[in-house]
Amino acid sequence: MRHFLFFFLCFFPLAAAALTLSDADGKTLTVHAPAQRIISLAPHFTDMLQAMGAGKQIVAVSDDHDSRGRYTRSLSGYPLVGDAAALNYERIVAYKPDAIIAWGSGTPRAWIEQLRHLGLPVVVLEARSLQEIGGQLGLLGRLTGHEAEAAKQQEAFAKALQGLQGHAAGPRLRYFYQIWSQPLYSLGRQHLLSQALALCGADNIVPTGPVMAPLINPEFVFKADPDVIFFGKVDEAASRSYWSRFSQLKAVRQQHLLAVDDRRLTRPGPDMLAAVAPLCAHLSGWRTDASRK
């Protein structure tokens, strides 16, 4: 009997237990094996999957180039199924994905609904606090069968977050973060980057609102008179030239116009904290100067 049972288990293994995941929309996705054909619709999810060893399970992604529409592969080397303007649903269906990872605040709602209408397995993820990024890592680890590595990533992220919190004491700076110049767009205080910079002792002059990246009237910046103005390195020359014209601004007088790696800083994942850490160290010198005045 024992020999028969051994033979049966070897050639007819028991079915793996189904795994049901709940996403940010309250929808559930049930998988009977780790997803092997994943489409990522946000660069930070692609980063997370690669970091936990699931990069080979990604079959396609959305475009992450600064200039979209001219490429067939992403910066990370994956085939493209869309960009900021549109998705290629026919191509997505042809890839026969086990899971499509969509970004709650970055993937248009109409696209998500169309994917679901086509019967495709969509998981919507959205982190509204820095701590929730750790939960996303855990969910992606379970989805891909990389739970152990995902747990390591969660632990590393928690330590990095704790490290930022050590900067919170002392004098604080007020900043304006420019993500686009013409027209002028910024980040709301509820944005994850704003939350991270707050741990560095820097406060966003843009208040919390319904829009994560609101359109800003330049007059608002002049009246708020921030201590620091951030802008991307790609637009550094034009941005520095624009703001330097306004000598009445404190950030201009004190030469606190700072070009940053906005590609990494605005991706709401572990890589964001890695980019914020040296920025915190840089700001600490300006905060010390402020305390002496």
C-alpha atoms as a PDB file:
ATOM      1  CA  MET A   1       0.000   0.000   0.000  1.00  0.00           C
ATOM      2  CA  ARG A   2       2.819   2.360   0.870  1.00  0.00           C
ATOM      3  CA  HIS A   3       4.568   1.652  -2.425  1.00  0.00           C
ATOM      4  CA  PHE A   4       1.330   2.363  -4.298  1.00  0.00           C
ATOM      5  CA  LEU A   5       0.880   5.667  -2.421  1.00  0.00           C
ATOM      6  CA  PHE A   6       4.464   6.681  -3.247  1.00  0.00           C
ATOM      7  CA  PHE A   7       3.867   5.871  -6.933  1.00  0.00           C
ATOM      8  CA  PHE A   8       0.599   7.826  -6.930  1.00  0.00           C
ATOM      9  CA  LEU A   9       2.147  10.959  -5.385  1.00  0.00           C
ATOM     10  CA  CYS A  10       5.096  10.908  -7.775  1.00  0.00           C
ATOM     11  CA  PHE A  11       3.069  10.624 -10.945  1.00  0.00           C
ATOM     12  CA  PHE A  12      -0.170  12.283  -9.821  1.00  0.00           C
ATOM     13  CA  PRO A  13       0.899  15.075  -7.439  1.00  0.00           C
ATOM     14  CA  LEU A  14      -1.770  16.755  -5.358  1.00  0.00           C
ATOM     15  CA  ALA A  15      -3.097  20.002  -6.828  1.00  0.00           C
ATOM     16  CA  ALA A  16      -1.529  23.121  -5.381  1.00  0.00           C
ATOM     17  CA  ALA A  17      -3.755  25.087  -3.066  1.00  0.00           C
ATOM     18  CA  ALA A  18      -5.401  28.031  -4.784  1.00  0.00           C
ATOM     19  CA  LEU A  19      -4.239  31.495  -3.756  1.00  0.00           C
ATOM     20  CA  THR A  20      -6.757  34.329  -3.692  1.00  0.00           C
ATOM     21  CA  LEU A  21      -5.437  37.901  -3.636  1.00  0.00           C
ATOM     22  CA  SER A  22      -7.444  41.061  -2.904  1.00  0.00           C
ATOM     23  CA  ASP A  23      -6.427  44.264  -4.650  1.00  0.00           C
ATOM     24  CA  ALA A  24      -6.911  47.990  -4.022  1.00  0.00           C
ATOM     25  CA  ASP A  25     -10.280  47.932  -5.816  1.00  0.00           C
ATOM     26  CA  GLY A  26     -11.601  45.240  -3.517  1.00  0.00           C
ATOM     27  CA  LYS A  27     -11.492  42.767  -6.415  1.00  0.00           C
ATOM     28  CA  THR A  28     -10.079  39.269  -6.009  1.00  0.00           C
ATOM     29  CA  LEU A  29      -7.826  37.213  -8.251  1.00  0.00           C
ATOM     30  CA  THR A  30      -7.455  33.476  -7.696  1.00  0.00           C
ATOM     31  CA  VAL A  31      -4.384  31.703  -9.052  1.00  0.00           C
ATOM     32  CA  HIS A  32      -3.611  27.984  -8.815  1.00  0.00           C
ATOM     33  CA  ALA A  33       0.119  28.413  -9.441  1.00  0.00           C
ATOM     34  CA  PRO A  34       2.585  31.319  -9.341  1.00  0.00           C
ATOM     35  CA  ALA A  35       1.929  33.695 -12.249  1.00  0.00           C
ATOM     36  CA  GLN A  36       4.417  33.026 -15.042  1.00  0.00           C
ATOM     37  CA  ARG A  37       3.182  35.571 -17.608  1.00  0.00           C
ATOM     38  CA  ILE A  38       2.911  39.014 -16.042  1.00  0.00           C
ATOM     39  CA  ILE A  39       2.253  42.377 -17.663  1.00  0.00           C
ATOM     40  CA  SER A  40       3.295  45.388 -15.574  1.00  0.00           C
ATOM     41  CA  LEU A  41       1.596  48.719 -16.298  1.00  0.00           C
ATOM     42  CA  ALA A  42       3.838  50.829 -14.035  1.00  0.00           C
ATOM     43  CA  PRO A  43       7.651  51.041 -13.887  1.00  0.00           C
ATOM     44  CA  HIS A  44       7.800  50.752 -10.092  1.00  0.00           C
ATOM     45  CA  PHE A  45       5.974  47.411 -10.193  1.00  0.00           C
ATOM     46  CA  THR A  46       8.476  46.242 -12.791  1.00  0.00           C
ATOM     47  CA  ASP A  47      11.270  47.329 -10.438  1.00  0.00           C
ATOM     48  CA  MET A  48       9.705  45.436  -7.524  1.00  0.00           C
ATOM     49  CA  LEU A  49       9.236  42.252  -9.537  1.00  0.00           C
ATOM     50  CA  GLN A  50      12.802  42.335 -10.807  1.00  0.00           C
ATOM     51  CA  ALA A  51      14.191  42.980  -7.318  1.00  0.00           C
ATOM     52  CA  MET A  52      12.488  39.886  -5.891  1.00  0.00           C
ATOM     53  CA  GLY A  53      13.709  37.663  -8.732  1.00  0.00           C
ATOM     54  CA  ALA A  54      10.511  37.577 -10.810  1.00  0.00           C
ATOM     55  CA  GLY A  55      11.889  39.496 -13.782  1.00  0.00           C
ATOM     56  CA  LYS A  56      11.780  36.445 -16.062  1.00  0.00           C
ATOM     57  CA  GLN A  57       8.046  36.132 -15.375  1.00  0.00           C
ATOM     58  CA  ILE A  58       7.361  39.549 -16.942  1.00  0.00           C
ATOM     59  CA  VAL A  59       6.311  39.257 -20.587  1.00  0.00           C
ATOM     60  CA  ALA A  60       5.533  42.927 -21.334  1.00  0.00           C
ATOM     61  CA  VAL A  61       5.261  46.380 -19.737  1.00  0.00           C
ATOM     62  CA  SER A  62       4.065  49.919 -20.426  1.00  0.00           C
ATOM     63  CA  ASP A  63       6.565  52.410 -21.859  1.00  0.00           C
ATOM     64  CA  ASP A  64       8.862  54.116 -19.337  1.00  0.00           C
ATOM     65  CA  HIS A  65      10.883  56.323 -21.695  1.00  0.00           C
ATOM     66  CA  ASP A  66      10.783  60.104 -21.267  1.00  0.00           C
ATOM     67  CA  SER A  67       9.859  60.456 -24.957  1.00  0.00           C
ATOM     68  CA  ARG A  68       7.174  57.903 -25.667  1.00  0.00           C
ATOM     69  CA  GLY A  69       5.853  56.420 -28.884  1.00  0.00           C
ATOM     70  CA  ARG A  70       9.176  55.755 -30.585  1.00  0.00           C
ATOM     71  CA  TYR A  71      10.211  52.493 -28.929  1.00  0.00           C
ATOM     72  CA  THR A  72       9.322  48.799 -29.031  1.00  0.00           C
ATOM     73  CA  ARG A  73      11.009  47.928 -25.736  1.00  0.00           C
ATOM     74  CA  SER A  74      11.170  49.551 -22.321  1.00  0.00           C
ATOM     75  CA  LEU A  75      14.300  50.874 -20.659  1.00  0.00           C
ATOM     76  CA  SER A  76      14.370  47.600 -18.727  1.00  0.00           C
ATOM     77  CA  GLY A  77      14.288  45.640 -21.996  1.00  0.00           C
ATOM     78  CA  TYR A  78      10.719  44.303 -22.041  1.00  0.00           C
ATOM     79  CA  PRO A  79       8.293  44.440 -24.997  1.00  0.00           C
ATOM     80  CA  LEU A  80       5.800  47.290 -24.809  1.00  0.00           C
ATOM     81  CA  VAL A  81       2.010  47.054 -24.736  1.00  0.00           C
ATOM     82  CA  GLY A  82       1.260  50.754 -24.417  1.00  0.00           C
ATOM     83  CA  ASP A  83       2.335  54.139 -23.130  1.00  0.00           C
ATOM     84  CA  ALA A  84       0.855  57.131 -21.311  1.00  0.00           C
ATOM     85  CA  ALA A  85      -1.601  57.738 -24.173  1.00  0.00           C
ATOM     86  CA  ALA A  86      -3.029  54.292 -24.891  1.00  0.00           C
ATOM     87  CA  LEU A  87      -2.851  50.534 -24.423  1.00  0.00           C
ATOM     88  CA  ASN A  88      -2.649  48.002 -27.226  1.00  0.00           C
ATOM     89  CA  TYR A  89      -5.379  45.618 -26.037  1.00  0.00           C
ATOM     90  CA  GLU A  90      -4.888  43.228 -28.952  1.00  0.00           C
ATOM     91  CA  ARG A  91      -1.233  42.819 -28.060  1.00  0.00           C
ATOM     92  CA  ILE A  92      -2.071  42.367 -24.365  1.00  0.00           C
ATOM     93  CA  VAL A  93      -4.567  39.601 -25.154  1.00  0.00           C
ATOM     94  CA  ALA A  94      -2.011  37.904 -27.420  1.00  0.00           C
ATOM     95  CA  TYR A  95       0.444  37.635 -24.515  1.00  0.00           C
ATOM     96  CA  LYS A  96      -2.113  35.523 -22.574  1.00  0.00           C
ATOM     97  CA  PRO A  97      -1.118  37.026 -19.210  1.00  0.00           C
ATOM     98  CA  ASP A  98      -1.660  35.226 -15.899  1.00  0.00           C
ATOM     99  CA  ALA A  99      -1.788  38.637 -14.212  1.00  0.00           C
ATOM    100  CA  ILE A 100      -1.785  42.292 -15.241  1.00  0.00           C
ATOM    101  CA  ILE A 101      -0.486  44.639 -12.536  1.00  0.00           C
ATOM    102  CA  ALA A 102      -2.169  48.051 -12.791  1.00  0.00           C
ATOM    103  CA  TRP A 103      -1.508  51.211 -10.779  1.00  0.00           C
ATOM    104  CA  GLY A 104      -4.596  52.580  -9.051  1.00  0.00           C
ATOM    105  CA  SER A 105      -3.700  56.268  -9.445  1.00  0.00           C
ATOM    106  CA  GLY A 106      -1.503  55.952 -12.536  1.00  0.00           C
ATOM    107  CA  THR A 107      -3.428  53.633 -14.854  1.00  0.00           C
ATOM    108  CA  PRO A 108      -6.552  55.335 -16.249  1.00  0.00           C
ATOM    109  CA  ARG A 109      -9.719  53.833 -14.816  1.00  0.00           C
ATOM    110  CA  ALA A 110     -11.183  53.316 -18.305  1.00  0.00           C
ATOM    111  CA  TRP A 111      -8.207  51.129 -19.222  1.00  0.00           C
ATOM    112  CA  ILE A 112      -8.632  48.972 -16.125  1.00  0.00           C
ATOM    113  CA  GLU A 113     -12.332  48.492 -16.812  1.00  0.00           C
ATOM    114  CA  GLN A 114     -11.651  47.589 -20.454  1.00  0.00           C
ATOM    115  CA  LEU A 115      -9.078  44.985 -19.404  1.00  0.00           C
ATOM    116  CA  ARG A 116     -11.610  43.474 -17.027  1.00  0.00           C
ATOM    117  CA  HIS A 117     -14.295  43.603 -19.717  1.00  0.00           C
ATOM    118  CA  LEU A 118     -11.995  41.485 -21.889  1.00  0.00           C
ATOM    119  CA  GLY A 119     -11.856  38.922 -19.081  1.00  0.00           C
ATOM    120  CA  LEU A 120      -8.199  39.531 -18.314  1.00  0.00           C
ATOM    121  CA  PRO A 121      -6.761  38.922 -14.798  1.00  0.00           C
ATOM    122  CA  VAL A 122      -6.100  42.418 -13.426  1.00  0.00           C
ATOM    123  CA  VAL A 123      -4.604  43.250 -10.024  1.00  0.00           C
ATOM    124  CA  VAL A 124      -4.839  46.941  -9.053  1.00  0.00           C
ATOM    125  CA  LEU A 125      -2.281  48.109  -6.509  1.00  0.00           C
ATOM    126  CA  GLU A 126      -2.202  51.498  -4.788  1.00  0.00           C
ATOM    127  CA  ALA A 127      -0.113  52.640  -1.818  1.00  0.00           C
ATOM    128  CA  ARG A 128      -1.462  55.698  -0.025  1.00  0.00           C
ATOM    129  CA  SER A 129       1.190  55.581   2.673  1.00  0.00           C
ATOM    130  CA  LEU A 130       4.847  54.599   2.657  1.00  0.00           C
ATOM    131  CA  GLN A 131       4.114  51.640   4.911  1.00  0.00           C
ATOM    132  CA  GLU A 132       1.694  50.191   2.336  1.00  0.00           C
ATOM    133  CA  ILE A 133       4.543  49.731  -0.138  1.00  0.00           C
ATOM    134  CA  GLY A 134       5.737  46.874   2.061  1.00  0.00           C
ATOM    135  CA  GLY A 135       2.332  45.239   1.683  1.00  0.00           C
ATOM    136  CA  GLN A 136       2.597  45.502  -2.100  1.00  0.00           C
ATOM    137  CA  LEU A 137       5.931  43.694  -1.996  1.00  0.00           C
ATOM    138  CA  GLY A 138       4.344  40.896   0.009  1.00  0.00           C
ATOM    139  CA  LEU A 139       1.412  40.560  -2.396  1.00  0.00           C
ATOM    140  CA  LEU A 140       3.684  40.455  -5.455  1.00  0.00           C
ATOM    141  CA  GLY A 141       5.840  37.858  -3.704  1.00  0.00           C
ATOM    142  CA  ARG A 142       2.821  35.611  -3.149  1.00  0.00           C
ATOM    143  CA  LEU A 143       1.566  36.147  -6.693  1.00  0.00           C
ATOM    144  CA  THR A 144       4.900  35.170  -8.258  1.00  0.00           C
ATOM    145  CA  GLY A 145       6.020  32.481  -5.816  1.00  0.00           C
ATOM    146  CA  HIS A 146       8.916  34.592  -4.507  1.00  0.00           C
ATOM    147  CA  GLU A 147       7.669  34.981  -0.941  1.00  0.00           C
ATOM    148  CA  ALA A 148      11.078  34.555   0.703  1.00  0.00           C
ATOM    149  CA  GLU A 149      12.816  37.187  -1.402  1.00  0.00           C
ATOM    150  CA  ALA A 150       9.831  39.517  -1.104  1.00  0.00           C
ATOM    151  CA  ALA A 151      10.058  39.198   2.682  1.00  0.00           C
ATOM    152  CA  LYS A 152      13.710  40.285   2.500  1.00  0.00           C
ATOM    153  CA  GLN A 153      12.698  43.243   0.361  1.00  0.00           C
ATOM    154  CA  GLN A 154      10.006  44.162   2.895  1.00  0.00           C
ATOM    155  CA  GLU A 155      12.524  44.049   5.736  1.00  0.00           C
ATOM    156  CA  ALA A 156      15.019  46.198   3.825  1.00  0.00           C
ATOM    157  CA  PHE A 157      12.287  48.706   2.988  1.00  0.00           C
ATOM    158  CA  ALA A 158      11.188  48.927   6.650  1.00  0.00           C
ATOM    159  CA  LYS A 159      14.801  49.604   7.704  1.00  0.00           C
ATOM    160  CA  ALA A 160      15.211  52.287   5.035  1.00  0.00           C
ATOM    161  CA  LEU A 161      11.982  53.931   6.173  1.00  0.00           C
ATOM    162  CA  GLN A 162      13.152  53.869   9.777  1.00  0.00           C
ATOM    163  CA  GLY A 163      16.424  55.442   8.676  1.00  0.00           C
ATOM    164  CA  LEU A 164      14.594  58.390   7.132  1.00  0.00           C
ATOM    165  CA  GLN A 165      12.669  58.989  10.332  1.00  0.00           C
ATOM    166  CA  GLY A 166      15.935  59.810  12.060  1.00  0.00           C
ATOM    167  CA  HIS A 167      16.060  63.098  10.125  1.00  0.00           C
ATOM    168  CA  ALA A 168      12.725  64.417  11.378  1.00  0.00           C
ATOM    169  CA  ALA A 169      13.989  66.354  14.408  1.00  0.00           C
ATOM    170  CA  GLY A 170      15.253  69.928  14.167  1.00  0.00           C
ATOM    171  CA  PRO A 171      14.410  72.955  11.996  1.00  0.00           C
ATOM    172  CA  ARG A 172      12.209  72.342   8.978  1.00  0.00           C
ATOM    173  CA  LEU A 173      12.363  73.596   5.396  1.00  0.00           C
ATOM    174  CA  ARG A 174       9.456  74.423   3.101  1.00  0.00           C
ATOM    175  CA  TYR A 175       9.800  73.362  -0.524  1.00  0.00           C
ATOM    176  CA  PHE A 176       8.155  73.430  -3.929  1.00  0.00           C
ATOM    177  CA  TYR A 177       8.597  70.366  -6.148  1.00  0.00           C
ATOM    178  CA  GLN A 178       8.288  71.060  -9.873  1.00  0.00           C
ATOM    179  CA  ILE A 179       7.445  68.004 -11.961  1.00  0.00           C
ATOM    180  CA  TRP A 180       6.629  69.967 -15.130  1.00  0.00           C
ATOM    181  CA  SER A 181       7.350  73.566 -16.034  1.00  0.00           C
ATOM    182  CA  GLN A 182       5.078  74.538 -18.949  1.00  0.00           C
ATOM    183  CA  PRO A 183       2.437  74.477 -17.553  1.00  0.00           C
ATOM    184  CA  LEU A 184       3.572  74.284 -13.955  1.00  0.00           C
ATOM    185  CA  TYR A 185       2.731  71.013 -12.187  1.00  0.00           C
ATOM    186  CA  SER A 186       3.712  69.910  -8.704  1.00  0.00           C
ATOM    187  CA  LEU A 187       2.982  67.192  -6.137  1.00  0.00           C
ATOM    188  CA  GLY A 188       0.284  67.341  -3.493  1.00  0.00           C
ATOM    189  CA  ARG A 189       1.142  66.867   0.165  1.00  0.00           C
ATOM    190  CA  GLN A 190      -0.501  63.430   0.102  1.00  0.00           C
ATOM    191  CA  HIS A 191       1.954  62.124  -2.506  1.00  0.00           C
ATOM    192  CA  LEU A 192       4.319  59.417  -1.223  1.00  0.00           C
ATOM    193  CA  LEU A 193       7.365  61.526  -2.081  1.00  0.00           C
ATOM    194  CA  SER A 194       5.931  64.372  -0.001  1.00  0.00           C
ATOM    195  CA  GLN A 195       5.497  61.916   2.867  1.00  0.00           C
ATOM    196  CA  ALA A 196       9.104  60.759   2.506  1.00  0.00           C
ATOM    197  CA  LEU A 197      10.497  64.305   2.383  1.00  0.00           C
ATOM    198  CA  ALA A 198       8.468  65.187   5.484  1.00  0.00           C
ATOM    199  CA  LEU A 199      10.548  62.569   7.315  1.00  0.00           C
ATOM    200  CA  CYS A 200      13.608  64.539   6.164  1.00  0.00           C
ATOM    201  CA  GLY A 201      12.319  67.684   7.840  1.00  0.00           C
ATOM    202  CA  ALA A 202      10.995  69.224   4.609  1.00  0.00           C
ATOM    203  CA  ASP A 203       7.360  70.242   4.113  1.00  0.00           C
ATOM    204  CA  ASN A 204       5.532  70.637   0.805  1.00  0.00           C
ATOM    205  CA  ILE A 205       3.956  74.089   0.294  1.00  0.00           C
ATOM    206  CA  VAL A 206       1.238  72.499  -1.901  1.00  0.00           C
ATOM    207  CA  PRO A 207      -1.651  71.358   0.312  1.00  0.00           C
ATOM    208  CA  THR A 208      -3.413  68.007   0.221  1.00  0.00           C
ATOM    209  CA  GLY A 209      -6.116  67.892  -2.460  1.00  0.00           C
ATOM    210  CA  PRO A 210      -8.085  65.583  -4.731  1.00  0.00           C
ATOM    211  CA  VAL A 211      -5.348  65.577  -7.396  1.00  0.00           C
ATOM    212  CA  MET A 212      -2.014  63.884  -6.763  1.00  0.00           C
ATOM    213  CA  ALA A 213      -0.141  66.122  -9.234  1.00  0.00           C
ATOM    214  CA  PRO A 214      -2.025  69.458  -9.411  1.00  0.00           C
ATOM    215  CA  LEU A 215      -1.602  72.334 -11.853  1.00  0.00           C
ATOM    216  CA  ILE A 216      -0.058  75.285  -9.985  1.00  0.00           C
ATOM    217  CA  ASN A 217      -0.299  79.013 -10.610  1.00  0.00           C
ATOM    218  CA  PRO A 218       3.217  80.550 -10.325  1.00  0.00           C
ATOM    219  CA  GLU A 219       1.700  83.282  -8.127  1.00  0.00           C
ATOM    220  CA  PHE A 220       1.018  80.618  -5.518  1.00  0.00           C
ATOM    221  CA  VAL A 221       4.741  79.817  -5.353  1.00  0.00           C
ATOM    222  CA  PHE A 222       5.693  83.490  -5.107  1.00  0.00           C
ATOM    223  CA  LYS A 223       3.316  84.033  -2.193  1.00  0.00           C
ATOM    224  CA  ALA A 224       4.370  80.855  -0.384  1.00  0.00           C
ATOM    225  CA  ASP A 225       8.072  81.776  -0.785  1.00  0.00           C
ATOM    226  CA  PRO A 226       9.599  78.289  -0.249  1.00  0.00           C
ATOM    227  CA  ASP A 227      13.065  77.657   1.164  1.00  0.00           C
ATOM    228  CA  VAL A 228      13.858  75.116  -1.590  1.00  0.00           C
ATOM    229  CA  ILE A 229      12.710  74.505  -5.171  1.00  0.00           C
ATOM    230  CA  PHE A 230      13.230  71.050  -6.682  1.00  0.00           C
ATOM    231  CA  PHE A 231      13.152  70.183 -10.382  1.00  0.00           C
ATOM    232  CA  GLY A 232      14.269  67.277 -12.548  1.00  0.00           C
ATOM    233  CA  LYS A 233      17.796  66.959 -13.895  1.00  0.00           C
ATOM    234  CA  VAL A 234      16.447  66.513 -17.420  1.00  0.00           C
ATOM    235  CA  ASP A 235      14.983  70.048 -17.311  1.00  0.00           C
ATOM    236  CA  GLU A 236      17.678  71.536 -15.086  1.00  0.00           C
ATOM    237  CA  ALA A 237      18.984  74.256 -17.395  1.00  0.00           C
ATOM    238  CA  ALA A 238      15.570  75.630 -18.346  1.00  0.00           C
ATOM    239  CA  SER A 239      14.182  75.340 -14.802  1.00  0.00           C
ATOM    240  CA  ARG A 240      17.178  76.994 -13.176  1.00  0.00           C
ATOM    241  CA  SER A 241      17.022  79.821 -15.701  1.00  0.00           C
ATOM    242  CA  TYR A 242      13.287  80.314 -15.108  1.00  0.00           C
ATOM    243  CA  TRP A 243      13.370  80.454 -11.302  1.00  0.00           C
ATOM    244  CA  SER A 244      16.596  82.471 -11.105  1.00  0.00           C
ATOM    245  CA  ARG A 245      14.724  85.460 -12.556  1.00  0.00           C
ATOM    246  CA  PHE A 246      12.748  85.843  -9.313  1.00  0.00           C
ATOM    247  CA  SER A 247      15.276  87.163  -6.807  1.00  0.00           C
ATOM    248  CA  GLN A 248      12.470  87.913  -4.359  1.00  0.00           C
ATOM    249  CA  LEU A 249      12.140  84.187  -3.687  1.00  0.00           C
ATOM    250  CA  LYS A 250      14.015  82.906  -0.652  1.00  0.00           C
ATOM    251  CA  ALA A 251      15.065  79.736  -2.494  1.00  0.00           C
ATOM    252  CA  VAL A 252      16.704  81.862  -5.200  1.00  0.00           C
ATOM    253  CA  ARG A 253      18.454  84.247  -2.794  1.00  0.00           C
ATOM    254  CA  GLN A 254      19.878  81.349  -0.783  1.00  0.00           C
ATOM    255  CA  GLN A 255      20.769  79.364  -3.917  1.00  0.00           C
ATOM    256  CA  HIS A 256      18.502  76.516  -2.911  1.00  0.00           C
ATOM    257  CA  LEU A 257      17.493  75.495  -6.434  1.00  0.00           C
ATOM    258  CA  LEU A 258      18.143  71.770  -6.549  1.00  0.00           C
ATOM    259  CA  ALA A 259      18.072  69.384  -9.535  1.00  0.00           C
ATOM    260  CA  VAL A 260      17.036  65.861  -8.525  1.00  0.00           C
ATOM    261  CA  ASP A 261      16.611  62.423 -10.068  1.00  0.00           C
ATOM    262  CA  ASP A 262      12.859  62.738 -10.493  1.00  0.00           C
ATOM    263  CA  ARG A 263      12.604  59.421 -12.362  1.00  0.00           C
ATOM    264  CA  ARG A 264      13.556  57.540  -9.187  1.00  0.00           C
ATOM    265  CA  LEU A 265      11.998  59.938  -6.697  1.00  0.00           C
ATOM    266  CA  THR A 266       8.510  59.814  -8.181  1.00  0.00           C
ATOM    267  CA  ARG A 267       8.328  56.020  -8.542  1.00  0.00           C
ATOM    268  CA  PRO A 268       6.361  54.911  -5.445  1.00  0.00           C
ATOM    269  CA  GLY A 269       8.455  51.914  -4.499  1.00  0.00           C
ATOM    270  CA  PRO A 270      11.629  50.904  -2.641  1.00  0.00           C
ATOM    271  CA  ASP A 271      13.829  52.712  -5.165  1.00  0.00           C
ATOM    272  CA  MET A 272      12.198  55.984  -4.122  1.00  0.00           C
ATOM    273  CA  LEU A 273      13.534  55.681  -0.567  1.00  0.00           C
ATOM    274  CA  ALA A 274      16.993  54.861  -1.907  1.00  0.00           C
ATOM    275  CA  ALA A 275      16.892  58.137  -3.858  1.00  0.00           C
ATOM    276  CA  VAL A 276      15.428  60.133  -0.962  1.00  0.00           C
ATOM    277  CA  ALA A 277      18.134  59.112   1.531  1.00  0.00           C
ATOM    278  CA  PRO A 278      21.005  61.162  -0.025  1.00  0.00           C
ATOM    279  CA  LEU A 279      18.570  64.017  -0.609  1.00  0.00           C
ATOM    280  CA  CYS A 280      17.812  64.013   3.119  1.00  0.00           C
ATOM    281  CA  ALA A 281      21.516  64.258   3.853  1.00  0.00           C
ATOM    282  CA  HIS A 282      21.841  67.181   1.439  1.00  0.00           C
ATOM    283  CA  LEU A 283      18.899  69.018   3.010  1.00  0.00           C
ATOM    284  CA  SER A 284      20.261  68.500   6.519  1.00  0.00           C
ATOM    285  CA  GLY A 285      23.061  70.982   5.764  1.00  0.00           C
ATOM    286  CA  TRP A 286      20.579  73.635   4.680  1.00  0.00           C
ATOM    287  CA  ARG A 287      18.448  72.925   7.753  1.00  0.00           C
ATOM    288  CA  THR A 288      21.496  73.447   9.962  1.00  0.00           C
ATOM    289  CA  ASP A 289      22.210  76.743   8.211  1.00  0.00           C
ATOM    290  CA  ALA A 290      18.604  77.795   8.778  1.00  0.00           C
ATOM    291  CA  SER A 291      18.886  77.152  12.504  1.00  0.00           C
ATOM    292  CA  ARG A 292      21.869  79.521  12.739  1.00  0.00           C
ATOM    293  CA  LYS A 293      20.015  82.446  11.167  1.00  0.00           C
END
